[in-house]
């Protein structure tokens, strides 16, 4: 409950600061926070800056390799890589399915 009161006090403080143009510290003082603490809380809890909101692809789409042959290639493992394991443990309580070898699959655009 204390955390919710602090968050409400932060919201009240920031609203009075941005909307009303007044710095009203009554609410944050009531819950035992300083202005510096509220500003730091706001920085961590607020919506990210515009440039941090989107993931920018690391390569041009036309230069990226086709990911289709990689599907089902090397998914979730128990630390033993893409090859079969000797363990009988199965996380999903179903029959064991071995990984598919995709090393021999042609890349998109090769040998066409």
PDB file of N, CA and C in Angstrom:
ATOM      1  N   UNK A   1       0.823  -1.184   0.000  1.00  0.00           N
ATOM      2  CA  UNK A   1       0.000   0.000   0.000  1.00  0.00           C
ATOM      3  C   UNK A   1       0.875   1.259   0.000  1.00  0.00           C
ATOM      4  N   UNK A   2       1.998   1.166   0.697  1.00  0.00           N
ATOM      5  CA  UNK A   2       2.912   2.311   0.790  1.00  0.00           C
ATOM      6  C   UNK A   2       3.459   2.695  -0.591  1.00  0.00           C
ATOM      7  N   UNK A   3       3.773   1.674  -1.392  1.00  0.00           N
ATOM      8  CA  UNK A   3       4.308   1.933  -2.734  1.00  0.00           C
ATOM      9  C   UNK A   3       3.274   2.637  -3.606  1.00  0.00           C
ATOM     10  N   UNK A   4       2.014   2.215  -3.510  1.00  0.00           N
ATOM     11  CA  UNK A   4       0.961   2.863  -4.296  1.00  0.00           C
ATOM     12  C   UNK A   4       0.770   4.316  -3.881  1.00  0.00           C
ATOM     13  N   UNK A   5       0.852   4.573  -2.587  1.00  0.00           N
ATOM     14  CA  UNK A   5       0.731   5.959  -2.106  1.00  0.00           C
ATOM     15  C   UNK A   5       1.874   6.812  -2.641  1.00  0.00           C
ATOM     16  N   UNK A   6       3.071   6.238  -2.668  1.00  0.00           N
ATOM     17  CA  UNK A   6       4.226   6.979  -3.199  1.00  0.00           C
ATOM     18  C   UNK A   6       4.063   7.252  -4.691  1.00  0.00           C
ATOM     19  N   UNK A   7       3.554   6.271  -5.424  1.00  0.00           N
ATOM     20  CA  UNK A   7       3.350   6.480  -6.860  1.00  0.00           C
ATOM     21  C   UNK A   7       2.267   7.521  -7.122  1.00  0.00           C
ATOM     22  N   UNK A   8       1.218   7.508  -6.317  1.00  0.00           N
ATOM     23  CA  UNK A   8       0.165   8.525  -6.457  1.00  0.00           C
ATOM     24  C   UNK A   8       0.707   9.911  -6.119  1.00  0.00           C
ATOM     25  N   UNK A   9       1.553   9.987  -5.094  1.00  0.00           N
ATOM     26  CA  UNK A   9       2.160  11.270  -4.729  1.00  0.00           C
ATOM     27  C   UNK A   9       3.060  11.767  -5.855  1.00  0.00           C
ATOM     28  N   UNK A  10       3.814  10.853  -6.471  1.00  0.00           N
ATOM     29  CA  UNK A  10       4.667  11.227  -7.601  1.00  0.00           C
ATOM     30  C   UNK A  10       3.814  11.747  -8.753  1.00  0.00           C
ATOM     31  N   UNK A  11       2.724  11.056  -9.033  1.00  0.00           N
ATOM     32  CA  UNK A  11       1.832  11.479 -10.117  1.00  0.00           C
ATOM     33  C   UNK A  11       1.248  12.862  -9.834  1.00  0.00           C
ATOM     34  N   UNK A  12       0.827  13.088  -8.596  1.00  0.00           N
ATOM     35  CA  UNK A  12       0.272  14.390  -8.209  1.00  0.00           C
ATOM     36  C   UNK A  12       1.327  15.497  -8.366  1.00  0.00           C
ATOM     37  N   UNK A  13       2.542  15.214  -7.914  1.00  0.00           N
ATOM     38  CA  UNK A  13       3.635  16.188  -8.006  1.00  0.00           C
ATOM     39  C   UNK A  13       3.942  16.521  -9.469  1.00  0.00           C
ATOM     40  N   UNK A  14       4.100  15.487 -10.313  1.00  0.00           N
ATOM     41  CA  UNK A  14       4.441  15.729 -11.721  1.00  0.00           C
ATOM     42  C   UNK A  14       3.295  16.405 -12.468  1.00  0.00           C
ATOM     43  N   UNK A  15       2.052  16.065 -12.119  1.00  0.00           N
ATOM     44  CA  UNK A  15       0.908  16.715 -12.760  1.00  0.00           C
ATOM     45  C   UNK A  15       0.867  18.194 -12.406  1.00  0.00           C
ATOM     46  N   UNK A  16       1.072  18.514 -11.130  1.00  0.00           N
ATOM     47  CA  UNK A  16       1.063  19.924 -10.735  1.00  0.00           C
ATOM     48  C   UNK A  16       2.212  20.673 -11.398  1.00  0.00           C
ATOM     49  N   UNK A  17       3.314  19.990 -11.599  1.00  0.00           N
ATOM     50  CA  UNK A  17       4.485  20.613 -12.219  1.00  0.00           C
ATOM     51  C   UNK A  17       4.259  20.866 -13.708  1.00  0.00           C
ATOM     52  N   UNK A  18       3.704  19.895 -14.425  1.00  0.00           N
ATOM     53  CA  UNK A  18       3.575  20.037 -15.879  1.00  0.00           C
ATOM     54  C   UNK A  18       2.282  20.718 -16.313  1.00  0.00           C
ATOM     55  N   UNK A  19       1.169  20.400 -15.674  1.00  0.00           N
ATOM     56  CA  UNK A  19      -0.123  20.942 -16.104  1.00  0.00           C
ATOM     57  C   UNK A  19      -0.384  22.317 -15.508  1.00  0.00           C
ATOM     58  N   UNK A  20      -0.200  22.417 -14.198  1.00  0.00           N
ATOM     59  CA  UNK A  20      -0.521  23.666 -13.515  1.00  0.00           C
ATOM     60  C   UNK A  20       0.648  24.635 -13.459  1.00  0.00           C
ATOM     61  N   UNK A  21       1.850  24.155 -13.735  1.00  0.00           N
ATOM     62  CA  UNK A  21       3.025  25.016 -13.706  1.00  0.00           C
ATOM     63  C   UNK A  21       3.454  25.406 -12.300  1.00  0.00           C
ATOM     64  N   UNK A  22       3.011  24.653 -11.305  1.00  0.00           N
ATOM     65  CA  UNK A  22       3.326  24.936  -9.905  1.00  0.00           C
ATOM     66  C   UNK A  22       4.017  23.711  -9.316  1.00  0.00           C
ATOM     67  N   UNK A  23       5.024  23.941  -8.477  1.00  0.00           N
ATOM     68  CA  UNK A  23       5.689  22.830  -7.811  1.00  0.00           C
ATOM     69  C   UNK A  23       5.030  22.626  -6.454  1.00  0.00           C
ATOM     70  N   UNK A  24       4.148  21.622  -6.381  1.00  0.00           N
ATOM     71  CA  UNK A  24       3.408  21.320  -5.157  1.00  0.00           C
ATOM     72  C   UNK A  24       4.034  20.092  -4.503  1.00  0.00           C
ATOM     73  N   UNK A  25       4.758  20.294  -3.411  1.00  0.00           N
ATOM     74  CA  UNK A  25       5.476  19.198  -2.760  1.00  0.00           C
ATOM     75  C   UNK A  25       4.729  18.609  -1.565  1.00  0.00           C
ATOM     76  N   UNK A  26       3.519  19.050  -1.317  1.00  0.00           N
ATOM     77  CA  UNK A  26       2.781  18.560  -0.142  1.00  0.00           C
ATOM     78  C   UNK A  26       2.589  17.047  -0.182  1.00  0.00           C
ATOM     79  N   UNK A  27       2.195  16.522  -1.309  1.00  0.00           N
ATOM     80  CA  UNK A  27       1.909  15.087  -1.413  1.00  0.00           C
ATOM     81  C   UNK A  27       3.165  14.244  -1.226  1.00  0.00           C
ATOM     82  N   UNK A  28       4.277  14.660  -1.827  1.00  0.00           N
ATOM     83  CA  UNK A  28       5.495  13.850  -1.694  1.00  0.00           C
ATOM     84  C   UNK A  28       6.085  13.958  -0.292  1.00  0.00           C
ATOM     85  N   UNK A  29       5.932  15.109   0.343  1.00  0.00           N
ATOM     86  CA  UNK A  29       6.403  15.246   1.722  1.00  0.00           C
ATOM     87  C   UNK A  29       5.576  14.381   2.661  1.00  0.00           C
ATOM     88  N   UNK A  30       4.301  14.238   2.361  1.00  0.00           N
ATOM     89  CA  UNK A  30       3.403  13.435   3.195  1.00  0.00           C
ATOM     90  C   UNK A  30       3.783  11.957   3.198  1.00  0.00           C
ATOM     91  N   UNK A  31       4.317  11.468   2.084  1.00  0.00           N
ATOM     92  CA  UNK A  31       4.722  10.057   2.004  1.00  0.00           C
ATOM     93  C   UNK A  31       6.213   9.865   2.265  1.00  0.00           C
ATOM     94  N   UNK A  32       6.924  10.949   2.578  1.00  0.00           N
ATOM     95  CA  UNK A  32       8.331  10.847   2.954  1.00  0.00           C
ATOM     96  C   UNK A  32       9.310  10.777   1.806  1.00  0.00           C
ATOM     97  N   UNK A  33       8.997  11.414   0.686  1.00  0.00           N
ATOM     98  CA  UNK A  33       9.903  11.437  -0.464  1.00  0.00           C
ATOM     99  C   UNK A  33      10.467  12.833  -0.672  1.00  0.00           C
ATOM    100  N   UNK A  34      11.666  12.887  -1.239  1.00  0.00           N
ATOM    101  CA  UNK A  34      12.258  14.172  -1.611  1.00  0.00           C
ATOM    102  C   UNK A  34      12.009  14.413  -3.099  1.00  0.00           C
ATOM    103  N   UNK A  35      12.236  15.640  -3.529  1.00  0.00           N
ATOM    104  CA  UNK A  35      12.061  15.983  -4.945  1.00  0.00           C
ATOM    105  C   UNK A  35      13.014  15.150  -5.804  1.00  0.00           C
ATOM    106  N   UNK A  36      14.246  14.959  -5.342  1.00  0.00           N
ATOM    107  CA  UNK A  36      15.225  14.170  -6.091  1.00  0.00           C
ATOM    108  C   UNK A  36      14.762  12.722  -6.256  1.00  0.00           C
ATOM    109  N   UNK A  37      14.208  12.148  -5.185  1.00  0.00           N
ATOM    110  CA  UNK A  37      13.713  10.774  -5.267  1.00  0.00           C
ATOM    111  C   UNK A  37      12.552  10.660  -6.254  1.00  0.00           C
ATOM    112  N   UNK A  38      11.665  11.645  -6.229  1.00  0.00           N
ATOM    113  CA  UNK A  38      10.515  11.627  -7.131  1.00  0.00           C
ATOM    114  C   UNK A  38      10.973  11.748  -8.577  1.00  0.00           C
ATOM    115  N   UNK A  39      11.925  12.617  -8.839  1.00  0.00           N
ATOM    116  CA  UNK A  39      12.434  12.775 -10.206  1.00  0.00           C
ATOM    117  C   UNK A  39      13.093  11.485 -10.690  1.00  0.00           C
ATOM    118  N   UNK A  40      13.819  10.814  -9.803  1.00  0.00           N
ATOM    119  CA  UNK A  40      14.452   9.552 -10.185  1.00  0.00           C
ATOM    120  C   UNK A  40      13.399   8.469 -10.420  1.00  0.00           C
ATOM    121  N   UNK A  41      12.382   8.407  -9.559  1.00  0.00           N
ATOM    122  CA  UNK A  41      11.280   7.460  -9.761  1.00  0.00           C
ATOM    123  C   UNK A  41      10.606   7.712 -11.101  1.00  0.00           C
ATOM    124  N   UNK A  42      10.362   8.964 -11.407  1.00  0.00           N
ATOM    125  CA  UNK A  42       9.686   9.318 -12.653  1.00  0.00           C
ATOM    126  C   UNK A  42      10.522   8.902 -13.861  1.00  0.00           C
ATOM    127  N   UNK A  43      11.824   9.100 -13.744  1.00  0.00           N
ATOM    128  CA  UNK A  43      12.723   8.735 -14.844  1.00  0.00           C
ATOM    129  C   UNK A  43      12.656   7.234 -15.129  1.00  0.00           C
ATOM    130  N   UNK A  44      12.574   6.417 -14.087  1.00  0.00           N
ATOM    131  CA  UNK A  44      12.517   4.964 -14.267  1.00  0.00           C
ATOM    132  C   UNK A  44      11.138   4.462 -14.676  1.00  0.00           C
ATOM    133  N   UNK A  45      10.083   5.131 -14.237  1.00  0.00           N
ATOM    134  CA  UNK A  45       8.733   4.627 -14.460  1.00  0.00           C
ATOM    135  C   UNK A  45       8.013   5.253 -15.644  1.00  0.00           C
ATOM    136  N   UNK A  46       8.505   6.354 -16.155  1.00  0.00           N
ATOM    137  CA  UNK A  46       7.822   7.058 -17.245  1.00  0.00           C
ATOM    138  C   UNK A  46       8.046   6.349 -18.575  1.00  0.00           C
ATOM    139  N   UNK A  47       7.296   6.744 -19.573  1.00  0.00           N
ATOM    140  CA  UNK A  47       7.460   6.209 -20.923  1.00  0.00           C
ATOM    141  C   UNK A  47       8.853   6.577 -21.422  1.00  0.00           C
ATOM    142  N   UNK A  48       9.468   5.673 -22.130  1.00  0.00           N
ATOM    143  CA  UNK A  48      10.826   5.889 -22.629  1.00  0.00           C
ATOM    144  C   UNK A  48      10.880   7.065 -23.597  1.00  0.00           C
ATOM    145  N   UNK A  49      12.069   7.614 -23.762  1.00  0.00           N
ATOM    146  CA  UNK A  49      12.271   8.670 -24.746  1.00  0.00           C
ATOM    147  C   UNK A  49      11.913   8.136 -26.130  1.00  0.00           C
ATOM    148  N   UNK A  50      11.567   9.017 -27.038  1.00  0.00           N
ATOM    149  CA  UNK A  50      11.107   8.616 -28.366  1.00  0.00           C
ATOM    150  C   UNK A  50      12.108   7.702 -29.068  1.00  0.00           C
ATOM    151  N   UNK A  51      13.398   8.032 -29.000  1.00  0.00           N
ATOM    152  CA  UNK A  51      14.392   7.233 -29.714  1.00  0.00           C
ATOM    153  C   UNK A  51      14.601   5.864 -29.071  1.00  0.00           C
ATOM    154  N   UNK A  52      14.164   5.678 -27.820  1.00  0.00           N
ATOM    155  CA  UNK A  52      14.313   4.393 -27.144  1.00  0.00           C
ATOM    156  C   UNK A  52      13.082   3.502 -27.265  1.00  0.00           C
ATOM    157  N   UNK A  53      12.031   3.978 -27.898  1.00  0.00           N
ATOM    158  CA  UNK A  53      10.776   3.226 -27.958  1.00  0.00           C
ATOM    159  C   UNK A  53      10.758   2.163 -29.043  1.00  0.00           C
ATOM    160  N   UNK A  54      11.577   2.286 -30.054  1.00  0.00           N
ATOM    161  CA  UNK A  54      11.502   1.391 -31.198  1.00  0.00           C
ATOM    162  C   UNK A  54      12.818   0.656 -31.380  1.00  0.00           C
ATOM    163  N   UNK A  55      12.732  -0.569 -31.876  1.00  0.00           N
ATOM    164  CA  UNK A  55      13.926  -1.345 -32.185  1.00  0.00           C
ATOM    165  C   UNK A  55      14.262  -1.103 -33.645  1.00  0.00           C
ATOM    166  N   UNK A  56      15.453  -0.610 -33.893  1.00  0.00           N
ATOM    167  CA  UNK A  56      15.904  -0.345 -35.254  1.00  0.00           C
ATOM    168  C   UNK A  56      16.629  -1.591 -35.761  1.00  0.00           C
ATOM    169  N   UNK A  57      16.238  -2.126 -36.911  1.00  0.00           N
ATOM    170  CA  UNK A  57      16.931  -3.310 -37.440  1.00  0.00           C
ATOM    171  C   UNK A  57      18.416  -3.024 -37.638  1.00  0.00           C
ATOM    172  N   UNK A  58      19.252  -4.029 -37.360  1.00  0.00           N
ATOM    173  CA  UNK A  58      20.694  -3.833 -37.455  1.00  0.00           C
ATOM    174  C   UNK A  58      21.223  -3.964 -38.873  1.00  0.00           C
ATOM    175  N   UNK A  59      20.419  -4.458 -39.801  1.00  0.00           N
ATOM    176  CA  UNK A  59      20.878  -4.575 -41.184  1.00  0.00           C
ATOM    177  C   UNK A  59      19.745  -4.193 -42.123  1.00  0.00           C
ATOM    178  N   UNK A  60      20.114  -3.939 -43.356  1.00  0.00           N
ATOM    179  CA  UNK A  60      19.105  -3.637 -44.365  1.00  0.00           C
ATOM    180  C   UNK A  60      18.327  -4.907 -44.681  1.00  0.00           C
ATOM    181  N   UNK A  61      17.039  -4.785 -44.863  1.00  0.00           N
ATOM    182  CA  UNK A  61      16.194  -5.954 -45.115  1.00  0.00           C
ATOM    183  C   UNK A  61      16.632  -6.697 -46.380  1.00  0.00           C
ATOM    184  N   UNK A  62      17.044  -5.959 -47.398  1.00  0.00           N
ATOM    185  CA  UNK A  62      17.429  -6.618 -48.647  1.00  0.00           C
ATOM    186  C   UNK A  62      18.752  -7.375 -48.522  1.00  0.00           C
ATOM    187  N   UNK A  63      19.565  -7.064 -47.515  1.00  0.00           N
ATOM    188  CA  UNK A  63      20.833  -7.760 -47.311  1.00  0.00           C
ATOM    189  C   UNK A  63      20.717  -8.890 -46.293  1.00  0.00           C
ATOM    190  N   UNK A  64      19.626  -8.957 -45.560  1.00  0.00           N
ATOM    191  CA  UNK A  64      19.449  -9.980 -44.531  1.00  0.00           C
ATOM    192  C   UNK A  64      19.216 -11.344 -45.169  1.00  0.00           C
ATOM    193  N   UNK A  65      19.720 -12.374 -44.515  1.00  0.00           N
ATOM    194  CA  UNK A  65      19.519 -13.731 -45.024  1.00  0.00           C
ATOM    195  C   UNK A  65      18.095 -14.184 -44.740  1.00  0.00           C
ATOM    196  N   UNK A  66      17.644 -15.128 -45.540  1.00  0.00           N
ATOM    197  CA  UNK A  66      16.309 -15.682 -45.353  1.00  0.00           C
ATOM    198  C   UNK A  66      16.299 -16.557 -44.099  1.00  0.00           C
ATOM    199  N   UNK A  67      15.427 -16.260 -43.167  1.00  0.00           N
ATOM    200  CA  UNK A  67      15.367 -16.998 -41.904  1.00  0.00           C
ATOM    201  C   UNK A  67      14.472 -18.228 -41.982  1.00  0.00           C
ATOM    202  N   UNK A  68      13.755 -18.418 -43.087  1.00  0.00           N
ATOM    203  CA  UNK A  68      12.820 -19.537 -43.204  1.00  0.00           C
ATOM    204  C   UNK A  68      13.479 -20.898 -42.986  1.00  0.00           C
ATOM    205  N   UNK A  69      14.652 -21.173 -43.588  1.00  0.00           N
ATOM    206  CA  UNK A  69      15.269 -22.491 -43.363  1.00  0.00           C
ATOM    207  C   UNK A  69      15.710 -22.712 -41.916  1.00  0.00           C
ATOM    208  N   UNK A  70      15.854 -21.656 -41.144  1.00  0.00           N
ATOM    209  CA  UNK A  70      16.321 -21.778 -39.768  1.00  0.00           C
ATOM    210  C   UNK A  70      15.220 -22.209 -38.807  1.00  0.00           C
ATOM    211  N   UNK A  71      13.973 -22.168 -39.237  1.00  0.00           N
ATOM    212  CA  UNK A  71      12.882 -22.503 -38.324  1.00  0.00           C
ATOM    213  C   UNK A  71      13.047 -23.934 -37.814  1.00  0.00           C
ATOM    214  N   UNK A  72      12.728 -24.151 -36.593  1.00  0.00           N
ATOM    215  CA  UNK A  72      12.834 -25.453 -35.920  1.00  0.00           C
ATOM    216  C   UNK A  72      14.259 -25.991 -35.878  1.00  0.00           C
ATOM    217  N   UNK A  73      15.243 -25.203 -36.259  1.00  0.00           N
ATOM    218  CA  UNK A  73      16.612 -25.688 -36.332  1.00  0.00           C
ATOM    219  C   UNK A  73      17.253 -25.931 -34.990  1.00  0.00           C
ATOM    220  N   UNK A  74      17.313 -24.944 -34.166  1.00  0.00           N
ATOM    221  CA  UNK A  74      17.971 -25.086 -32.874  1.00  0.00           C
ATOM    222  C   UNK A  74      17.190 -24.259 -31.871  1.00  0.00           C
ATOM    223  N   UNK A  75      16.149 -24.817 -31.379  1.00  0.00           N
ATOM    224  CA  UNK A  75      15.290 -24.087 -30.457  1.00  0.00           C
ATOM    225  C   UNK A  75      15.726 -24.249 -29.023  1.00  0.00           C
ATOM    226  N   UNK A  76      14.768 -24.453 -28.169  1.00  0.00           N
ATOM    227  CA  UNK A  76      15.011 -24.582 -26.738  1.00  0.00           C
ATOM    228  C   UNK A  76      15.787 -25.859 -26.455  1.00  0.00           C
ATOM    229  N   UNK A  77      16.900 -25.746 -25.732  1.00  0.00           N
ATOM    230  CA  UNK A  77      17.682 -26.923 -25.362  1.00  0.00           C
ATOM    231  C   UNK A  77      18.003 -26.843 -23.879  1.00  0.00           C
ATOM    232  N   UNK A  78      18.549 -27.905 -23.357  1.00  0.00           N
ATOM    233  CA  UNK A  78      18.952 -27.940 -21.956  1.00  0.00           C
ATOM    234  C   UNK A  78      20.458 -27.764 -21.832  1.00  0.00           C
ATOM    235  N   UNK A  79      21.046 -26.917 -22.658  1.00  0.00           N
ATOM    236  CA  UNK A  79      22.465 -26.639 -22.574  1.00  0.00           C
ATOM    237  C   UNK A  79      23.329 -27.596 -23.358  1.00  0.00           C
ATOM    238  N   UNK A  80      22.729 -28.488 -24.139  1.00  0.00           N
ATOM    239  CA  UNK A  80      23.529 -29.445 -24.889  1.00  0.00           C
ATOM    240  C   UNK A  80      23.587 -29.111 -26.373  1.00  0.00           C
ATOM    241  N   UNK A  81      23.261 -27.893 -26.739  1.00  0.00           N
ATOM    242  CA  UNK A  81      23.365 -27.448 -28.117  1.00  0.00           C
ATOM    243  C   UNK A  81      22.265 -27.995 -28.999  1.00  0.00           C
ATOM    244  N   UNK A  82      22.543 -28.105 -30.302  1.00  0.00           N
ATOM    245  CA  UNK A  82      21.533 -28.529 -31.272  1.00  0.00           C
ATOM    246  C   UNK A  82      21.502 -30.032 -31.483  1.00  0.00           C
ATOM    247  N   UNK A  83      22.374 -30.758 -30.859  1.00  0.00           N
ATOM    248  CA  UNK A  83      22.381 -32.206 -31.066  1.00  0.00           C
ATOM    249  C   UNK A  83      21.514 -32.887 -30.014  1.00  0.00           C
ATOM    250  N   UNK A  84      21.255 -34.162 -30.240  1.00  0.00           N
ATOM    251  CA  UNK A  84      20.442 -34.929 -29.303  1.00  0.00           C
ATOM    252  C   UNK A  84      21.110 -35.043 -27.951  1.00  0.00           C
ATOM    253  N   UNK A  85      20.331 -35.333 -26.959  1.00  0.00           N
ATOM    254  CA  UNK A  85      20.824 -35.429 -25.601  1.00  0.00           C
ATOM    255  C   UNK A  85      20.570 -36.825 -25.068  1.00  0.00           C
ATOM    256  N   UNK A  86      21.327 -37.227 -24.065  1.00  0.00           N
ATOM    257  CA  UNK A  86      21.120 -38.525 -23.433  1.00  0.00           C
ATOM    258  C   UNK A  86      20.075 -38.451 -22.333  1.00  0.00           C
ATOM    259  N   UNK A  87      19.674 -37.265 -21.988  1.00  0.00           N
ATOM    260  CA  UNK A  87      18.734 -37.102 -20.885  1.00  0.00           C
ATOM    261  C   UNK A  87      17.338 -37.574 -21.266  1.00  0.00           C
ATOM    262  N   UNK A  88      16.632 -38.135 -20.318  1.00  0.00           N
ATOM    263  CA  UNK A  88      15.256 -38.573 -20.540  1.00  0.00           C
ATOM    264  C   UNK A  88      14.274 -37.509 -20.077  1.00  0.00           C
ATOM    265  N   UNK A  89      14.790 -36.420 -19.527  1.00  0.00           N
ATOM    266  CA  UNK A  89      13.937 -35.348 -19.016  1.00  0.00           C
ATOM    267  C   UNK A  89      13.242 -34.636 -20.166  1.00  0.00           C
ATOM    268  N   UNK A  90      11.953 -34.412 -20.032  1.00  0.00           N
ATOM    269  CA  UNK A  90      11.194 -33.701 -21.043  1.00  0.00           C
ATOM    270  C   UNK A  90      10.333 -32.662 -20.338  1.00  0.00           C
ATOM    271  N   UNK A  91      10.594 -31.420 -20.608  1.00  0.00           N
ATOM    272  CA  UNK A  91       9.903 -30.316 -19.964  1.00  0.00           C
ATOM    273  C   UNK A  91       8.422 -30.273 -20.304  1.00  0.00           C
ATOM    274  N   UNK A  92       8.049 -30.725 -21.503  1.00  0.00           N
ATOM    275  CA  UNK A  92       6.690 -30.553 -21.990  1.00  0.00           C
ATOM    276  C   UNK A  92       5.830 -31.811 -21.885  1.00  0.00           C
ATOM    277  N   UNK A  93       6.333 -32.872 -21.236  1.00  0.00           N
ATOM    278  CA  UNK A  93       5.570 -34.091 -20.982  1.00  0.00           C
ATOM    279  C   UNK A  93       4.991 -34.688 -22.270  1.00  0.00           C
ATOM    280  N   UNK A  94       5.811 -34.770 -23.282  1.00  0.00           N
ATOM    281  CA  UNK A  94       5.393 -35.367 -24.547  1.00  0.00           C
ATOM    282  C   UNK A  94       6.562 -36.188 -25.079  1.00  0.00           C
ATOM    283  N   UNK A  95       6.333 -36.900 -26.175  1.00  0.00           N
ATOM    284  CA  UNK A  95       7.431 -37.690 -26.730  1.00  0.00           C
ATOM    285  C   UNK A  95       8.537 -36.760 -27.206  1.00  0.00           C
ATOM    286  N   UNK A  96       9.737 -37.272 -27.202  1.00  0.00           N
ATOM    287  CA  UNK A  96      10.893 -36.465 -27.545  1.00  0.00           C
ATOM    288  C   UNK A  96      10.995 -36.271 -29.049  1.00  0.00           C
ATOM    289  N   UNK A  97      11.282 -35.045 -29.459  1.00  0.00           N
ATOM    290  CA  UNK A  97      11.458 -34.710 -30.869  1.00  0.00           C
ATOM    291  C   UNK A  97      12.864 -34.146 -31.017  1.00  0.00           C
ATOM    292  N   UNK A  98      13.682 -34.778 -31.866  1.00  0.00           N
ATOM    293  CA  UNK A  98      15.049 -34.296 -32.064  1.00  0.00           C
ATOM    294  C   UNK A  98      15.063 -33.076 -32.970  1.00  0.00           C
ATOM    295  N   UNK A  99      16.109 -32.277 -32.829  1.00  0.00           N
ATOM    296  CA  UNK A  99      16.266 -31.067 -33.638  1.00  0.00           C
ATOM    297  C   UNK A  99      16.513 -31.435 -35.097  1.00  0.00           C
ATOM    298  N   UNK A 100      16.167 -30.549 -35.986  1.00  0.00           N
ATOM    299  CA  UNK A 100      16.336 -30.742 -37.421  1.00  0.00           C
ATOM    300  C   UNK A 100      17.640 -30.081 -37.850  1.00  0.00           C
ATOM    301  N   UNK A 101      18.464 -30.805 -38.599  1.00  0.00           N
ATOM    302  CA  UNK A 101      19.726 -30.260 -39.084  1.00  0.00           C
ATOM    303  C   UNK A 101      19.458 -29.368 -40.291  1.00  0.00           C
ATOM    304  N   UNK A 102      19.809 -28.091 -40.197  1.00  0.00           N
ATOM    305  CA  UNK A 102      19.590 -27.157 -41.301  1.00  0.00           C
ATOM    306  C   UNK A 102      20.895 -26.720 -41.944  1.00  0.00           C
ATOM    307  N   UNK A 103      22.005 -27.375 -41.585  1.00  0.00           N
ATOM    308  CA  UNK A 103      23.297 -26.943 -42.120  1.00  0.00           C
ATOM    309  C   UNK A 103      23.414 -27.181 -43.624  1.00  0.00           C
ATOM    310  N   UNK A 104      22.681 -28.148 -44.170  1.00  0.00           N
ATOM    311  CA  UNK A 104      22.759 -28.427 -45.599  1.00  0.00           C
ATOM    312  C   UNK A 104      21.746 -27.666 -46.427  1.00  0.00           C
ATOM    313  N   UNK A 105      20.926 -26.870 -45.813  1.00  0.00           N
ATOM    314  CA  UNK A 105      19.892 -26.126 -46.532  1.00  0.00           C
ATOM    315  C   UNK A 105      20.532 -24.950 -47.260  1.00  0.00           C
ATOM    316  N   UNK A 106      20.123 -24.761 -48.532  1.00  0.00           N
ATOM    317  CA  UNK A 106      20.664 -23.646 -49.319  1.00  0.00           C
ATOM    318  C   UNK A 106      20.173 -22.320 -48.776  1.00  0.00           C
ATOM    319  N   UNK A 107      21.008 -21.310 -48.887  1.00  0.00           N
ATOM    320  CA  UNK A 107      20.595 -19.952 -48.553  1.00  0.00           C
ATOM    321  C   UNK A 107      19.752 -19.400 -49.686  1.00  0.00           C
ATOM    322  N   UNK A 108      18.903 -18.463 -49.371  1.00  0.00           N
ATOM    323  CA  UNK A 108      18.024 -17.839 -50.356  1.00  0.00           C
ATOM    324  C   UNK A 108      18.862 -17.225 -51.479  1.00  0.00           C
ATOM    325  N   UNK A 109      18.590 -17.602 -52.697  1.00  0.00           N
ATOM    326  CA  UNK A 109      19.295 -17.032 -53.840  1.00  0.00           C
ATOM    327  C   UNK A 109      20.488 -17.849 -54.298  1.00  0.00           C
ATOM    328  N   UNK A 110      20.894 -18.882 -53.555  1.00  0.00           N
ATOM    329  CA  UNK A 110      22.032 -19.712 -53.947  1.00  0.00           C
ATOM    330  C   UNK A 110      21.585 -20.818 -54.897  1.00  0.00           C
ATOM    331  N   UNK A 111      22.280 -21.010 -55.968  1.00  0.00           N
ATOM    332  CA  UNK A 111      22.063 -22.125 -56.874  1.00  0.00           C
ATOM    333  C   UNK A 111      20.727 -22.123 -57.590  1.00  0.00           C
ATOM    334  N   UNK A 112      20.126 -20.991 -57.767  1.00  0.00           N
ATOM    335  CA  UNK A 112      18.834 -20.928 -58.465  1.00  0.00           C
ATOM    336  C   UNK A 112      19.032 -20.744 -59.935  1.00  0.00           C
TER     337      UNK A 112
END
